[in-house]
Amino acid sequence: MQTQPTADITFDAKTADIVRRAFRYAADNPHLLDWASMSTPPRNELRILTDRLMTIPPAGGALPMTRAQFDGYLSFASHLSTVLPVETWHAERAYLEALTDAHMDRTAPPPSLQDTRAWVRDLHLGQTDKAGRPYVEHVLRVHQRLTGLFPDASPDAEHAALLHDAIEDCDVSAGELRRRGYSDQTVSIVEAVTKRPDIEQTYAERIDHLARTGPLGAIQVKIADLSDNRDPARLALLPGDKAASLGERYGKALDRLYAAISGQPRQTGE
């Protein structure tokens, strides 16, 4: 097997400190590795790299490693930053994601829809909806509804429809999506339909914000999402009062989003 060439990867002081602390936290909390991506370094590798980072002087320094190792380790640090204590890591998250984005390989071909379908099956494995059904069924239907409701939906919107709950429900960061080759447009759509824990808004306020400021693809994806959530067959599986309440909420949200699409006729997708 041909080995990849190594190179001295330079870590400035800030990068070395942030990555070192993230990796030490991971090494000391192995339960975090249970849900991480398949490319996650094993626990012993995290400890080894943490020890190597400890040798970098305060002013920064360099470590010999392959580019693949560097990208993988840096991406994992970015991924970890989404679950580290917010009071410690809130500011560092944006820095790590930007750093990951700066080093990713933009020459790699973007994922196909088949790749995205396969990945979301893994991401949502074990998750269920309010009725106890596998959650990935909803995700796949949202994509189907998007292409039925909006035949001219962009490829970015199609990928985003499959990924619409990846950030919110699967601990995937925007940086992780970019590292995997998804376009800035796809990531922007996913972010636009993602509930942000750092912003206090009612459900109606989130929908109104999306309707006023969201890109067209995001509004289309959310309409597809709500159309599936409001499906009578799905609501029938819930208690009567719950079904009625959700049906009314989703209906109002759909009206608001359709109104935001200038000249877009209301379609049922049936």
C-alpha atoms as a PDB file:
ATOM      1  CA  MET A   1       0.000   0.000   0.000  1.00  0.00           C
ATOM      2  CA  GLN A   2       1.337   3.383  -0.985  1.00  0.00           C
ATOM      3  CA  THR A   3       1.673   5.725   1.963  1.00  0.00           C
ATOM      4  CA  GLN A   4       0.787   9.372   1.773  1.00  0.00           C
ATOM      5  CA  PRO A   5       3.684  11.823   1.995  1.00  0.00           C
ATOM      6  CA  THR A   6       3.994  13.778   5.196  1.00  0.00           C
ATOM      7  CA  ALA A   7       4.583  17.482   5.529  1.00  0.00           C
ATOM      8  CA  ASP A   8       5.167  19.891   8.363  1.00  0.00           C
ATOM      9  CA  ILE A   9       1.732  21.343   9.119  1.00  0.00           C
ATOM     10  CA  THR A  10       1.995  24.687  10.846  1.00  0.00           C
ATOM     11  CA  PHE A  11      -0.272  25.361  13.821  1.00  0.00           C
ATOM     12  CA  ASP A  12      -0.402  28.915  15.076  1.00  0.00           C
ATOM     13  CA  ALA A  13      -0.769  29.344  18.807  1.00  0.00           C
ATOM     14  CA  LYS A  14      -4.542  29.888  18.767  1.00  0.00           C
ATOM     15  CA  THR A  15      -5.233  26.914  16.505  1.00  0.00           C
ATOM     16  CA  ALA A  16      -2.965  24.617  18.497  1.00  0.00           C
ATOM     17  CA  ASP A  17      -4.627  25.594  21.768  1.00  0.00           C
ATOM     18  CA  ILE A  18      -8.208  25.216  20.533  1.00  0.00           C
ATOM     19  CA  VAL A  19      -7.628  21.917  18.742  1.00  0.00           C
ATOM     20  CA  ARG A  20      -5.590  20.542  21.652  1.00  0.00           C
ATOM     21  CA  ARG A  21      -8.340  21.325  24.163  1.00  0.00           C
ATOM     22  CA  ALA A  22     -11.037  19.851  21.907  1.00  0.00           C
ATOM     23  CA  PHE A  23      -9.103  16.620  21.395  1.00  0.00           C
ATOM     24  CA  ARG A  24      -8.281  16.261  25.088  1.00  0.00           C
ATOM     25  CA  TYR A  25     -11.975  16.663  25.893  1.00  0.00           C
ATOM     26  CA  ALA A  26     -12.804  13.936  23.373  1.00  0.00           C
ATOM     27  CA  ALA A  27     -10.140  11.620  24.742  1.00  0.00           C
ATOM     28  CA  ASP A  28     -11.473  12.137  28.271  1.00  0.00           C
ATOM     29  CA  ASN A  29     -15.111  11.690  27.185  1.00  0.00           C
ATOM     30  CA  PRO A  30     -15.119   8.627  24.893  1.00  0.00           C
ATOM     31  CA  HIS A  31     -18.930   8.474  24.808  1.00  0.00           C
ATOM     32  CA  LEU A  32     -18.773  11.366  22.350  1.00  0.00           C
ATOM     33  CA  LEU A  33     -17.225   9.027  19.796  1.00  0.00           C
ATOM     34  CA  ASP A  34     -20.321   6.813  19.648  1.00  0.00           C
ATOM     35  CA  TRP A  35     -22.210   9.165  17.324  1.00  0.00           C
ATOM     36  CA  ALA A  36     -19.293  10.688  15.458  1.00  0.00           C
ATOM     37  CA  SER A  37     -18.639  10.151  11.783  1.00  0.00           C
ATOM     38  CA  MET A  38     -16.972   7.050  10.359  1.00  0.00           C
ATOM     39  CA  SER A  39     -13.770   9.007   9.766  1.00  0.00           C
ATOM     40  CA  THR A  40     -13.390   9.831  13.453  1.00  0.00           C
ATOM     41  CA  PRO A  41      -9.894   8.955  14.743  1.00  0.00           C
ATOM     42  CA  PRO A  42      -9.939   6.247  17.420  1.00  0.00           C
ATOM     43  CA  ARG A  43      -9.512   7.334  21.003  1.00  0.00           C
ATOM     44  CA  ASN A  44      -5.845   6.332  21.192  1.00  0.00           C
ATOM     45  CA  GLU A  45      -5.066   8.395  18.072  1.00  0.00           C
ATOM     46  CA  LEU A  46      -6.726  11.389  19.672  1.00  0.00           C
ATOM     47  CA  ARG A  47      -4.514  11.006  22.734  1.00  0.00           C
ATOM     48  CA  ILE A  48      -1.403  10.660  20.555  1.00  0.00           C
ATOM     49  CA  LEU A  49      -2.202  13.811  18.604  1.00  0.00           C
ATOM     50  CA  THR A  50      -3.082  15.668  21.805  1.00  0.00           C
ATOM     51  CA  ASP A  51       0.315  14.741  23.224  1.00  0.00           C
ATOM     52  CA  ARG A  52       1.990  15.906  19.994  1.00  0.00           C
ATOM     53  CA  LEU A  53       0.114  19.198  20.073  1.00  0.00           C
ATOM     54  CA  MET A  54       1.319  19.696  23.634  1.00  0.00           C
ATOM     55  CA  THR A  55       4.866  19.876  22.272  1.00  0.00           C
ATOM     56  CA  ILE A  56       4.063  22.952  20.174  1.00  0.00           C
ATOM     57  CA  PRO A  57       5.467  26.053  21.865  1.00  0.00           C
ATOM     58  CA  PRO A  58       3.094  28.855  22.915  1.00  0.00           C
ATOM     59  CA  ALA A  59       4.073  30.871  19.870  1.00  0.00           C
ATOM     60  CA  GLY A  60       2.962  28.032  17.560  1.00  0.00           C
ATOM     61  CA  GLY A  61       4.864  25.426  15.590  1.00  0.00           C
ATOM     62  CA  ALA A  62       4.706  22.594  13.065  1.00  0.00           C
ATOM     63  CA  LEU A  63       3.967  18.861  13.177  1.00  0.00           C
ATOM     64  CA  PRO A  64       4.691  16.296  10.444  1.00  0.00           C
ATOM     65  CA  MET A  65       1.501  14.633   9.219  1.00  0.00           C
ATOM     66  CA  THR A  66      -0.298  13.801   6.006  1.00  0.00           C
ATOM     67  CA  ARG A  67      -2.795  16.253   4.589  1.00  0.00           C
ATOM     68  CA  ALA A  68      -5.539  13.648   5.082  1.00  0.00           C
ATOM     69  CA  GLN A  69      -4.627  13.345   8.770  1.00  0.00           C
ATOM     70  CA  PHE A  70      -4.675  17.095   9.179  1.00  0.00           C
ATOM     71  CA  ASP A  71      -8.032  17.509   7.454  1.00  0.00           C
ATOM     72  CA  GLY A  72      -9.540  14.619   9.409  1.00  0.00           C
ATOM     73  CA  TYR A  73      -8.301  15.780  12.785  1.00  0.00           C
ATOM     74  CA  LEU A  74      -9.272  19.391  12.165  1.00  0.00           C
ATOM     75  CA  SER A  75     -12.722  18.390  10.957  1.00  0.00           C
ATOM     76  CA  PHE A  76     -13.242  16.251  14.032  1.00  0.00           C
ATOM     77  CA  ALA A  77     -12.266  19.180  16.252  1.00  0.00           C
ATOM     78  CA  SER A  78     -14.863  21.298  14.461  1.00  0.00           C
ATOM     79  CA  HIS A  79     -17.447  18.533  14.860  1.00  0.00           C
ATOM     80  CA  LEU A  80     -16.700  18.234  18.563  1.00  0.00           C
ATOM     81  CA  SER A  81     -17.105  21.942  19.091  1.00  0.00           C
ATOM     82  CA  THR A  82     -20.872  21.580  18.582  1.00  0.00           C
ATOM     83  CA  VAL A  83     -21.230  19.511  21.754  1.00  0.00           C
ATOM     84  CA  LEU A  84     -18.574  21.021  24.009  1.00  0.00           C
ATOM     85  CA  PRO A  85     -19.777  23.231  26.892  1.00  0.00           C
ATOM     86  CA  VAL A  86     -21.227  26.328  25.290  1.00  0.00           C
ATOM     87  CA  GLU A  87     -19.772  28.685  27.892  1.00  0.00           C
ATOM     88  CA  THR A  88     -16.291  27.527  26.870  1.00  0.00           C
ATOM     89  CA  TRP A  89     -16.700  26.890  23.165  1.00  0.00           C
ATOM     90  CA  HIS A  90     -19.273  29.295  21.773  1.00  0.00           C
ATOM     91  CA  ALA A  91     -16.693  31.684  20.315  1.00  0.00           C
ATOM     92  CA  GLU A  92     -14.310  28.944  19.205  1.00  0.00           C
ATOM     93  CA  ARG A  93     -16.888  27.106  17.101  1.00  0.00           C
ATOM     94  CA  ALA A  94     -16.936  29.695  14.320  1.00  0.00           C
ATOM     95  CA  TYR A  95     -13.141  29.835  14.328  1.00  0.00           C
ATOM     96  CA  LEU A  96     -12.771  26.070  13.994  1.00  0.00           C
ATOM     97  CA  GLU A  97     -15.337  25.812  11.225  1.00  0.00           C
ATOM     98  CA  ALA A  98     -13.689  28.616   9.280  1.00  0.00           C
ATOM     99  CA  LEU A  99     -10.324  26.933   9.695  1.00  0.00           C
ATOM    100  CA  THR A 100     -11.718  23.606   8.484  1.00  0.00           C
ATOM    101  CA  ASP A 101     -13.293  25.316   5.496  1.00  0.00           C
ATOM    102  CA  ALA A 102      -9.986  27.000   4.616  1.00  0.00           C
ATOM    103  CA  HIS A 103      -8.136  23.684   4.478  1.00  0.00           C
ATOM    104  CA  MET A 104     -10.684  21.401   2.846  1.00  0.00           C
ATOM    105  CA  ASP A 105     -10.064  19.930  -0.579  1.00  0.00           C
ATOM    106  CA  ARG A 106     -12.290  21.864  -2.980  1.00  0.00           C
ATOM    107  CA  THR A 107     -11.074  19.764  -5.937  1.00  0.00           C
ATOM    108  CA  ALA A 108     -13.045  16.722  -4.813  1.00  0.00           C
ATOM    109  CA  PRO A 109     -16.275  16.075  -6.748  1.00  0.00           C
ATOM    110  CA  PRO A 110     -19.434  17.158  -4.899  1.00  0.00           C
ATOM    111  CA  PRO A 111     -21.627  14.419  -3.420  1.00  0.00           C
ATOM    112  CA  SER A 112     -24.297  12.944  -5.656  1.00  0.00           C
ATOM    113  CA  LEU A 113     -27.910  12.688  -4.528  1.00  0.00           C
ATOM    114  CA  GLN A 114     -27.290   8.979  -4.059  1.00  0.00           C
ATOM    115  CA  ASP A 115     -24.360   9.803  -1.764  1.00  0.00           C
ATOM    116  CA  THR A 116     -26.533  12.192   0.228  1.00  0.00           C
ATOM    117  CA  ARG A 117     -29.354   9.650   0.563  1.00  0.00           C
ATOM    118  CA  ALA A 118     -26.914   7.056   1.848  1.00  0.00           C
ATOM    119  CA  TRP A 119     -25.402   9.489   4.347  1.00  0.00           C
ATOM    120  CA  VAL A 120     -28.715  10.678   5.774  1.00  0.00           C
ATOM    121  CA  ARG A 121     -29.760   7.060   6.282  1.00  0.00           C
ATOM    122  CA  ASP A 122     -26.725   6.707   8.534  1.00  0.00           C
ATOM    123  CA  LEU A 123     -27.227  10.085  10.204  1.00  0.00           C
ATOM    124  CA  HIS A 124     -30.843   9.398  11.189  1.00  0.00           C
ATOM    125  CA  LEU A 125     -30.336   5.721  12.054  1.00  0.00           C
ATOM    126  CA  GLY A 126     -32.270   4.926  15.231  1.00  0.00           C
ATOM    127  CA  GLN A 127     -34.250   8.193  15.229  1.00  0.00           C
ATOM    128  CA  THR A 128     -38.053   8.071  15.165  1.00  0.00           C
ATOM    129  CA  ASP A 129     -40.783  10.619  14.477  1.00  0.00           C
ATOM    130  CA  LYS A 130     -43.664  11.567  16.795  1.00  0.00           C
ATOM    131  CA  ALA A 131     -45.553   8.451  15.735  1.00  0.00           C
ATOM    132  CA  GLY A 132     -42.592   6.136  16.298  1.00  0.00           C
ATOM    133  CA  ARG A 133     -41.761   5.626  12.616  1.00  0.00           C
ATOM    134  CA  PRO A 134     -38.121   5.714  11.407  1.00  0.00           C
ATOM    135  CA  TYR A 135     -37.323   9.393  10.992  1.00  0.00           C
ATOM    136  CA  VAL A 136     -35.362   8.888   7.794  1.00  0.00           C
ATOM    137  CA  GLU A 137     -38.641   8.025   6.038  1.00  0.00           C
ATOM    138  CA  HIS A 138     -39.733  11.630   6.602  1.00  0.00           C
ATOM    139  CA  VAL A 139     -36.431  12.981   5.307  1.00  0.00           C
ATOM    140  CA  LEU A 140     -36.674  10.967   2.087  1.00  0.00           C
ATOM    141  CA  ARG A 141     -40.304  12.009   1.574  1.00  0.00           C
ATOM    142  CA  VAL A 142     -39.384  15.681   1.973  1.00  0.00           C
ATOM    143  CA  HIS A 143     -37.083  15.337  -1.012  1.00  0.00           C
ATOM    144  CA  GLN A 144     -39.839  13.630  -3.001  1.00  0.00           C
ATOM    145  CA  ARG A 145     -42.315  16.350  -2.098  1.00  0.00           C
ATOM    146  CA  LEU A 146     -39.824  19.068  -3.024  1.00  0.00           C
ATOM    147  CA  THR A 147     -39.395  17.724  -6.553  1.00  0.00           C
ATOM    148  CA  GLY A 148     -43.152  17.215  -6.877  1.00  0.00           C
ATOM    149  CA  LEU A 149     -44.117  20.656  -5.632  1.00  0.00           C
ATOM    150  CA  PHE A 150     -41.242  22.473  -7.310  1.00  0.00           C
ATOM    151  CA  PRO A 151     -40.034  20.601 -10.426  1.00  0.00           C
ATOM    152  CA  ASP A 152     -37.558  23.418 -11.102  1.00  0.00           C
ATOM    153  CA  ALA A 153     -35.963  23.179  -7.649  1.00  0.00           C
ATOM    154  CA  SER A 154     -32.192  23.524  -7.828  1.00  0.00           C
ATOM    155  CA  PRO A 155     -29.785  20.640  -7.121  1.00  0.00           C
ATOM    156  CA  ASP A 156     -28.712  22.576  -4.020  1.00  0.00           C
ATOM    157  CA  ALA A 157     -32.297  22.569  -2.775  1.00  0.00           C
ATOM    158  CA  GLU A 158     -32.570  18.838  -3.470  1.00  0.00           C
ATOM    159  CA  HIS A 159     -29.503  18.074  -1.362  1.00  0.00           C
ATOM    160  CA  ALA A 160     -30.727  20.461   1.331  1.00  0.00           C
ATOM    161  CA  ALA A 161     -34.113  18.725   1.436  1.00  0.00           C
ATOM    162  CA  LEU A 162     -32.344  15.489   2.360  1.00  0.00           C
ATOM    163  CA  LEU A 163     -30.077  17.309   4.818  1.00  0.00           C
ATOM    164  CA  HIS A 164     -32.672  19.665   6.288  1.00  0.00           C
ATOM    165  CA  ASP A 165     -32.446  18.180   9.799  1.00  0.00           C
ATOM    166  CA  ALA A 166     -28.759  17.214   9.739  1.00  0.00           C
ATOM    167  CA  ILE A 167     -27.530  20.226  11.716  1.00  0.00           C
ATOM    168  CA  GLU A 168     -30.480  20.411  14.099  1.00  0.00           C
ATOM    169  CA  ASP A 169     -30.885  16.711  14.926  1.00  0.00           C
ATOM    170  CA  CYS A 170     -27.615  14.962  14.035  1.00  0.00           C
ATOM    171  CA  ASP A 171     -24.861  17.155  15.531  1.00  0.00           C
ATOM    172  CA  VAL A 172     -23.514  17.905  12.056  1.00  0.00           C
ATOM    173  CA  SER A 173     -21.983  21.363  11.661  1.00  0.00           C
ATOM    174  CA  ALA A 174     -22.024  23.645   8.655  1.00  0.00           C
ATOM    175  CA  GLY A 175     -18.274  23.110   8.445  1.00  0.00           C
ATOM    176  CA  GLU A 176     -18.786  19.362   8.236  1.00  0.00           C
ATOM    177  CA  LEU A 177     -21.181  19.817   5.317  1.00  0.00           C
ATOM    178  CA  ARG A 178     -18.678  21.995   3.482  1.00  0.00           C
ATOM    179  CA  ARG A 179     -15.859  19.535   4.194  1.00  0.00           C
ATOM    180  CA  ARG A 180     -17.936  16.816   2.567  1.00  0.00           C
ATOM    181  CA  GLY A 181     -18.153  18.903  -0.582  1.00  0.00           C
ATOM    182  CA  TYR A 182     -21.590  20.490  -0.320  1.00  0.00           C
ATOM    183  CA  SER A 183     -21.848  23.915  -1.920  1.00  0.00           C
ATOM    184  CA  ASP A 184     -22.228  27.147  -0.006  1.00  0.00           C
ATOM    185  CA  GLN A 185     -25.751  27.401  -1.455  1.00  0.00           C
ATOM    186  CA  THR A 186     -26.720  23.971  -0.081  1.00  0.00           C
ATOM    187  CA  VAL A 187     -25.294  24.802   3.336  1.00  0.00           C
ATOM    188  CA  SER A 188     -27.056  28.179   3.385  1.00  0.00           C
ATOM    189  CA  ILE A 189     -30.403  26.489   2.714  1.00  0.00           C
ATOM    190  CA  VAL A 190     -29.851  23.939   5.481  1.00  0.00           C
ATOM    191  CA  GLU A 191     -28.831  26.675   7.909  1.00  0.00           C
ATOM    192  CA  ALA A 192     -31.879  28.768   6.973  1.00  0.00           C
ATOM    193  CA  VAL A 193     -34.313  25.968   7.929  1.00  0.00           C
ATOM    194  CA  THR A 194     -32.407  25.006  11.092  1.00  0.00           C
ATOM    195  CA  LYS A 195     -33.684  26.104  14.490  1.00  0.00           C
ATOM    196  CA  ARG A 196     -30.878  27.987  16.235  1.00  0.00           C
ATOM    197  CA  PRO A 197     -30.570  27.287  19.972  1.00  0.00           C
ATOM    198  CA  ASP A 198     -28.888  30.645  20.585  1.00  0.00           C
ATOM    199  CA  ILE A 199     -31.866  32.667  19.301  1.00  0.00           C
ATOM    200  CA  GLU A 200     -35.139  32.751  21.222  1.00  0.00           C
ATOM    201  CA  GLN A 201     -38.034  32.821  18.766  1.00  0.00           C
ATOM    202  CA  THR A 202     -41.512  31.399  18.734  1.00  0.00           C
ATOM    203  CA  TYR A 203     -42.411  28.959  15.970  1.00  0.00           C
ATOM    204  CA  ALA A 204     -44.402  31.661  14.167  1.00  0.00           C
ATOM    205  CA  GLU A 205     -41.483  34.090  14.435  1.00  0.00           C
ATOM    206  CA  ARG A 206     -39.084  31.536  12.918  1.00  0.00           C
ATOM    207  CA  ILE A 207     -41.437  30.942  10.005  1.00  0.00           C
ATOM    208  CA  ASP A 208     -41.899  34.666   9.456  1.00  0.00           C
ATOM    209  CA  HIS A 209     -38.133  35.233   9.528  1.00  0.00           C
ATOM    210  CA  LEU A 210     -37.624  32.491   6.946  1.00  0.00           C
ATOM    211  CA  ALA A 211     -40.378  33.926   4.757  1.00  0.00           C
ATOM    212  CA  ARG A 212     -38.831  37.408   4.875  1.00  0.00           C
ATOM    213  CA  THR A 213     -35.122  36.601   4.634  1.00  0.00           C
ATOM    214  CA  GLY A 214     -34.674  33.001   3.506  1.00  0.00           C
ATOM    215  CA  PRO A 215     -33.393  32.051   0.046  1.00  0.00           C
ATOM    216  CA  LEU A 216     -35.969  30.618  -2.346  1.00  0.00           C
ATOM    217  CA  GLY A 217     -34.547  27.128  -1.969  1.00  0.00           C
ATOM    218  CA  ALA A 218     -34.941  27.276   1.812  1.00  0.00           C
ATOM    219  CA  ILE A 219     -38.591  28.333   1.539  1.00  0.00           C
ATOM    220  CA  GLN A 220     -39.223  25.520  -0.946  1.00  0.00           C
ATOM    221  CA  VAL A 221     -37.557  22.961   1.338  1.00  0.00           C
ATOM    222  CA  LYS A 222     -39.548  24.156   4.355  1.00  0.00           C
ATOM    223  CA  ILE A 223     -42.792  23.972   2.384  1.00  0.00           C
ATOM    224  CA  ALA A 224     -41.942  20.376   1.448  1.00  0.00           C
ATOM    225  CA  ASP A 225     -41.098  19.623   5.082  1.00  0.00           C
ATOM    226  CA  LEU A 226     -44.336  21.115   6.413  1.00  0.00           C
ATOM    227  CA  SER A 227     -46.392  19.443   3.686  1.00  0.00           C
ATOM    228  CA  ASP A 228     -45.136  16.068   4.863  1.00  0.00           C
ATOM    229  CA  ASN A 229     -45.650  16.969   8.522  1.00  0.00           C
ATOM    230  CA  ARG A 230     -49.242  17.989   7.747  1.00  0.00           C
ATOM    231  CA  ASP A 231     -50.035  14.850   5.757  1.00  0.00           C
ATOM    232  CA  PRO A 232     -53.360  13.514   7.110  1.00  0.00           C
ATOM    233  CA  ALA A 233     -51.963   9.980   7.141  1.00  0.00           C
ATOM    234  CA  ARG A 234     -49.166  11.066   9.485  1.00  0.00           C
ATOM    235  CA  LEU A 235     -51.393  13.209  11.701  1.00  0.00           C
ATOM    236  CA  ALA A 236     -53.869  10.325  12.035  1.00  0.00           C
ATOM    237  CA  LEU A 237     -51.207   8.395  13.935  1.00  0.00           C
ATOM    238  CA  LEU A 238     -51.171  11.022  16.693  1.00  0.00           C
ATOM    239  CA  PRO A 239     -53.680  11.689  19.498  1.00  0.00           C
ATOM    240  CA  GLY A 240     -56.608  13.774  18.262  1.00  0.00           C
ATOM    241  CA  ASP A 241     -55.838  16.973  20.158  1.00  0.00           C
ATOM    242  CA  LYS A 242     -52.160  16.830  19.202  1.00  0.00           C
ATOM    243  CA  ALA A 243     -52.994  16.189  15.555  1.00  0.00           C
ATOM    244  CA  ALA A 244     -55.430  19.103  15.430  1.00  0.00           C
ATOM    245  CA  SER A 245     -52.977  21.497  17.073  1.00  0.00           C
ATOM    246  CA  LEU A 246     -50.107  20.540  14.787  1.00  0.00           C
ATOM    247  CA  GLY A 247     -52.304  20.579  11.700  1.00  0.00           C
ATOM    248  CA  GLU A 248     -53.366  24.134  12.443  1.00  0.00           C
ATOM    249  CA  ARG A 249     -49.799  25.252  13.161  1.00  0.00           C
ATOM    250  CA  TYR A 250     -48.418  23.698   9.975  1.00  0.00           C
ATOM    251  CA  GLY A 251     -51.286  25.104   7.914  1.00  0.00           C
ATOM    252  CA  LYS A 252     -50.617  28.671   9.046  1.00  0.00           C
ATOM    253  CA  ALA A 253     -46.901  28.234   8.394  1.00  0.00           C
ATOM    254  CA  LEU A 254     -47.561  26.943   4.885  1.00  0.00           C
ATOM    255  CA  ASP A 255     -49.831  29.894   4.123  1.00  0.00           C
ATOM    256  CA  ARG A 256     -47.111  32.316   5.264  1.00  0.00           C
ATOM    257  CA  LEU A 257     -44.387  30.649   3.198  1.00  0.00           C
ATOM    258  CA  TYR A 258     -46.464  30.317   0.041  1.00  0.00           C
ATOM    259  CA  ALA A 259     -47.352  33.997   0.336  1.00  0.00           C
ATOM    260  CA  ALA A 260     -43.647  34.803   0.434  1.00  0.00           C
ATOM    261  CA  ILE A 261     -43.060  33.244  -2.982  1.00  0.00           C
ATOM    262  CA  SER A 262     -44.108  35.925  -5.413  1.00  0.00           C
ATOM    263  CA  GLY A 263     -46.247  34.515  -8.204  1.00  0.00           C
ATOM    264  CA  GLN A 264     -45.925  30.952  -6.918  1.00  0.00           C
ATOM    265  CA  PRO A 265     -49.327  29.223  -7.070  1.00  0.00           C
ATOM    266  CA  ARG A 266     -50.338  26.969  -4.205  1.00  0.00           C
ATOM    267  CA  GLN A 267     -49.729  23.357  -5.133  1.00  0.00           C
ATOM    268  CA  THR A 268     -50.817  20.225  -3.317  1.00  0.00           C
ATOM    269  CA  GLY A 269     -48.125  17.893  -4.620  1.00  0.00           C
ATOM    270  CA  GLU A 270     -50.657  15.106  -4.700  1.00  0.00           C
END
